[in-house]
Amino acid sequence: MAGALLLIDFQTGFEDPVWGVRNNPTAEENAARLLANWREANLPVVHVRHLSTTPGSPLNPVSGSIDFLPALAPDAPEAVFEKSVNSAFIGTELEQHLRDKGITQLTICGLTTPHCVSTSCRMAANLGFKVTLAHDACAAFTGNADTSWDNGAPMTAEDIHRSAVSHLHGEFVQARAVHQILADLQ
């Protein structure tokens, strides 16, 4: 059985300029291609939404924009889980949902690569799921990159993204491009 598609935090709050410069402007378009193909194949789709507890956060339900991006919004009967931490597995019923459905493989994409995507990928692998990371359906921002701890030069969003994917690939996930994933899905 092909695995589930797990879409993480594709929300309007990530359009806020507070996040800084981002890489991969086609991440959402690539994720939408995955989603359309998963739906066409009648494969399981799971959506995760971040509800920040930080006042003033663009992802805070009180002051932010927590809506799913329209092109990546859930359709019935797709599962939706809401979290307030980086991992899609902490404080949610995601793991139990996947186990109940007999899902052992996940294809993951979302925002942002070094935060919620990376954390969820690591936990999924540690929980025994086989994980494919659709690296070109993810993106990173410069706004969270703090290199002041070592007086380092600022990192670009692309550097941040590539570093996060590099740390995941081979140990926690197999990083693949959307076109490769879709070729295998056919």
Protein backbone atom coordinates (compact mmCIF):
# COMPACT_ATOMS: atom_id res chain seq x y z
CA MET A 1 0.00 0.00 0.00
CA ALA A 2 1.26 3.47 -0.82
CA GLY A 3 1.55 5.65 2.20
CA ALA A 4 -0.25 8.75 3.33
CA LEU A 5 0.55 12.28 2.25
CA LEU A 6 1.19 14.47 5.29
CA LEU A 7 0.91 18.21 4.60
CA ILE A 8 2.31 20.34 7.43
CA ASP A 9 1.33 23.95 8.17
CA PHE A 10 0.41 25.23 4.73
CA GLN A 11 -1.25 28.26 6.32
CA THR A 12 -1.88 31.87 5.39
CA GLY A 13 0.11 33.02 8.42
CA PHE A 14 3.31 32.11 6.60
CA GLU A 15 2.60 34.92 4.13
CA ASP A 16 3.45 37.42 6.89
CA PRO A 17 6.72 39.33 6.24
CA VAL A 18 7.89 38.69 9.83
CA TRP A 19 9.30 35.34 8.67
CA GLY A 20 11.86 37.06 6.44
CA VAL A 21 13.11 36.02 3.03
CA ARG A 22 12.17 32.52 1.91
CA ASN A 23 13.44 30.00 -0.58
CA ASN A 24 11.49 27.80 -2.97
CA PRO A 25 8.60 29.98 -4.11
CA THR A 26 7.07 26.92 -5.85
CA ALA A 27 6.75 24.82 -2.66
CA GLU A 28 2.97 25.24 -2.47
CA GLU A 29 2.55 24.54 -6.19
CA ASN A 30 4.58 21.34 -5.80
CA ALA A 31 2.60 20.34 -2.72
CA ALA A 32 -0.64 20.95 -4.63
CA ARG A 33 0.59 18.58 -7.37
CA LEU A 34 1.22 15.91 -4.74
CA LEU A 35 -2.19 16.52 -3.18
CA ALA A 36 -4.01 16.30 -6.53
CA ASN A 37 -2.28 13.03 -7.37
CA TRP A 38 -2.93 11.51 -3.94
CA ARG A 39 -6.59 12.44 -4.22
CA GLU A 40 -6.82 11.05 -7.76
CA ALA A 41 -5.28 7.78 -6.57
CA ASN A 42 -7.67 7.74 -3.59
CA LEU A 43 -4.75 7.53 -1.16
CA PRO A 44 -4.86 8.83 2.42
CA VAL A 45 -4.18 12.52 3.00
CA VAL A 46 -3.55 14.15 6.37
CA HIS A 47 -3.36 17.88 7.05
CA VAL A 48 -1.65 19.47 10.05
CA ARG A 49 -2.21 23.04 11.21
CA HIS A 50 -0.11 24.99 13.69
CA LEU A 51 -1.94 26.96 16.38
CA SER A 52 0.75 29.01 18.09
CA THR A 53 0.42 29.84 21.77
CA THR A 54 2.80 32.80 21.35
CA PRO A 55 0.96 36.13 21.53
CA GLY A 56 1.36 38.11 18.33
CA SER A 57 2.53 35.16 16.26
CA PRO A 58 1.22 35.11 12.69
CA LEU A 59 0.04 31.56 13.52
CA ASN A 60 -1.76 32.46 16.76
CA PRO A 61 -5.52 31.76 16.52
CA VAL A 62 -6.35 35.08 18.25
CA SER A 63 -4.16 37.48 16.29
CA GLY A 64 -2.84 35.53 13.35
CA SER A 65 -3.87 33.85 10.13
CA ILE A 66 -4.33 30.15 10.79
CA ASP A 67 -6.40 29.31 7.71
CA PHE A 68 -5.13 26.67 5.33
CA LEU A 69 -3.92 28.01 2.00
CA PRO A 70 -6.88 27.56 -0.37
CA ALA A 71 -5.02 25.32 -2.86
CA LEU A 72 -3.98 23.01 -0.01
CA ALA A 73 -7.10 23.06 2.14
CA PRO A 74 -8.52 19.76 3.37
CA ASP A 75 -11.44 18.05 1.68
CA ALA A 76 -13.70 15.59 3.45
CA PRO A 77 -12.82 12.91 4.51
CA GLU A 78 -9.19 14.00 4.88
CA ALA A 79 -7.96 14.03 8.46
CA VAL A 80 -6.92 17.30 10.11
CA PHE A 81 -4.77 17.58 13.22
CA GLU A 82 -3.94 20.76 15.10
CA LYS A 83 -0.75 21.22 17.08
CA SER A 84 0.91 23.93 19.14
CA VAL A 85 4.48 22.58 19.03
CA ASN A 86 6.85 21.71 16.19
CA SER A 87 6.00 18.01 16.01
CA ALA A 88 2.79 16.88 14.35
CA PHE A 89 2.86 13.89 16.71
CA ILE A 90 2.97 15.67 20.09
CA GLY A 91 -0.39 16.54 21.59
CA THR A 92 -2.32 15.08 18.65
CA GLU A 93 -3.86 11.76 17.71
CA LEU A 94 -1.84 11.61 14.48
CA GLU A 95 0.16 8.49 15.34
CA GLN A 96 -2.93 6.59 16.46
CA HIS A 97 -4.81 7.67 13.33
CA LEU A 98 -2.02 6.36 11.10
CA ARG A 99 -1.76 3.08 13.04
CA ASP A 100 -5.54 2.58 12.95
CA LYS A 101 -5.45 2.99 9.16
CA GLY A 102 -2.51 0.58 8.80
CA ILE A 103 -0.30 3.31 7.35
CA THR A 104 3.42 2.60 7.59
CA GLN A 105 4.75 5.00 4.94
CA LEU A 106 4.53 8.78 4.83
CA THR A 107 5.32 11.36 2.20
CA ILE A 108 5.82 14.64 4.03
CA CYS A 109 5.91 18.23 2.81
CA GLY A 110 5.21 21.59 4.39
CA LEU A 111 6.41 24.69 6.16
CA THR A 112 8.98 25.22 7.44
CA THR A 113 11.76 22.81 6.53
CA PRO A 114 14.01 23.28 9.60
CA HIS A 115 11.20 23.47 12.12
CA CYS A 116 7.89 21.62 11.98
CA VAL A 117 8.77 19.57 8.89
CA SER A 118 12.13 18.45 10.28
CA THR A 119 10.76 17.69 13.74
CA SER A 120 7.81 15.73 12.36
CA CYS A 121 10.05 13.78 9.97
CA ARG A 122 12.42 12.83 12.77
CA MET A 123 9.60 11.71 15.05
CA ALA A 124 7.86 9.78 12.27
CA ALA A 125 11.06 7.87 11.56
CA ASN A 126 11.68 7.26 15.25
CA LEU A 127 8.15 5.89 15.55
CA GLY A 128 8.95 3.40 12.78
CA PHE A 129 7.32 5.01 9.77
CA LYS A 130 9.13 4.93 6.43
CA VAL A 131 9.36 8.60 5.42
CA THR A 132 9.85 10.28 2.07
CA LEU A 133 10.46 14.02 2.24
CA ALA A 134 9.25 15.95 -0.78
CA HIS A 135 12.07 18.48 -0.42
CA ASP A 136 10.87 20.76 -3.20
CA ALA A 137 7.42 20.99 -1.61
CA CYS A 138 8.94 22.58 1.50
CA ALA A 139 10.43 25.99 2.21
CA ALA A 140 12.52 27.82 4.79
CA PHE A 141 12.70 31.43 5.92
CA THR A 142 15.56 33.61 7.14
CA GLY A 143 13.57 35.18 9.99
CA ASN A 144 14.25 32.32 12.40
CA ALA A 145 17.93 31.83 11.59
CA ASP A 146 19.96 33.19 14.48
CA THR A 147 23.70 32.80 13.93
CA SER A 148 24.62 35.29 16.67
CA TRP A 149 25.66 32.40 18.93
CA ASP A 150 28.89 32.08 16.94
CA ASN A 151 29.12 35.52 15.32
CA GLY A 152 28.43 33.73 12.07
CA ALA A 153 27.43 35.26 8.81
CA PRO A 154 23.71 35.23 8.11
CA MET A 155 22.43 32.17 6.30
CA THR A 156 20.25 32.39 3.22
CA ALA A 157 16.86 30.68 3.19
CA GLU A 158 18.27 28.23 0.65
CA ASP A 159 21.22 27.43 2.96
CA ILE A 160 18.81 26.81 5.82
CA HIS A 161 16.58 24.57 3.69
CA ARG A 162 19.47 22.55 2.23
CA SER A 163 21.06 22.12 5.64
CA ALA A 164 17.80 20.85 7.15
CA VAL A 165 17.20 18.41 4.29
CA SER A 166 20.82 17.24 4.42
CA HIS A 167 20.52 16.43 8.12
CA LEU A 168 17.36 14.39 7.50
CA HIS A 169 18.29 12.52 4.31
CA GLY A 170 19.59 9.02 4.74
CA GLU A 171 18.97 8.77 8.48
CA PHE A 172 15.35 9.84 8.94
CA VAL A 173 13.99 10.22 5.41
CA GLN A 174 14.67 9.70 1.77
CA ALA A 175 14.62 13.20 0.28
CA ARG A 176 13.10 13.17 -3.19
CA ALA A 177 11.78 15.70 -5.68
CA VAL A 178 8.06 15.83 -6.39
CA HIS A 179 8.52 14.65 -10.00
CA GLN A 180 10.32 11.52 -8.71
CA ILE A 181 7.61 10.79 -6.16
CA LEU A 182 4.87 11.22 -8.74
CA ALA A 183 6.66 8.99 -11.25
CA ASP A 184 6.68 6.22 -8.64
CA LEU A 185 3.03 6.86 -7.78
CA GLN A 186 2.01 6.18 -11.41
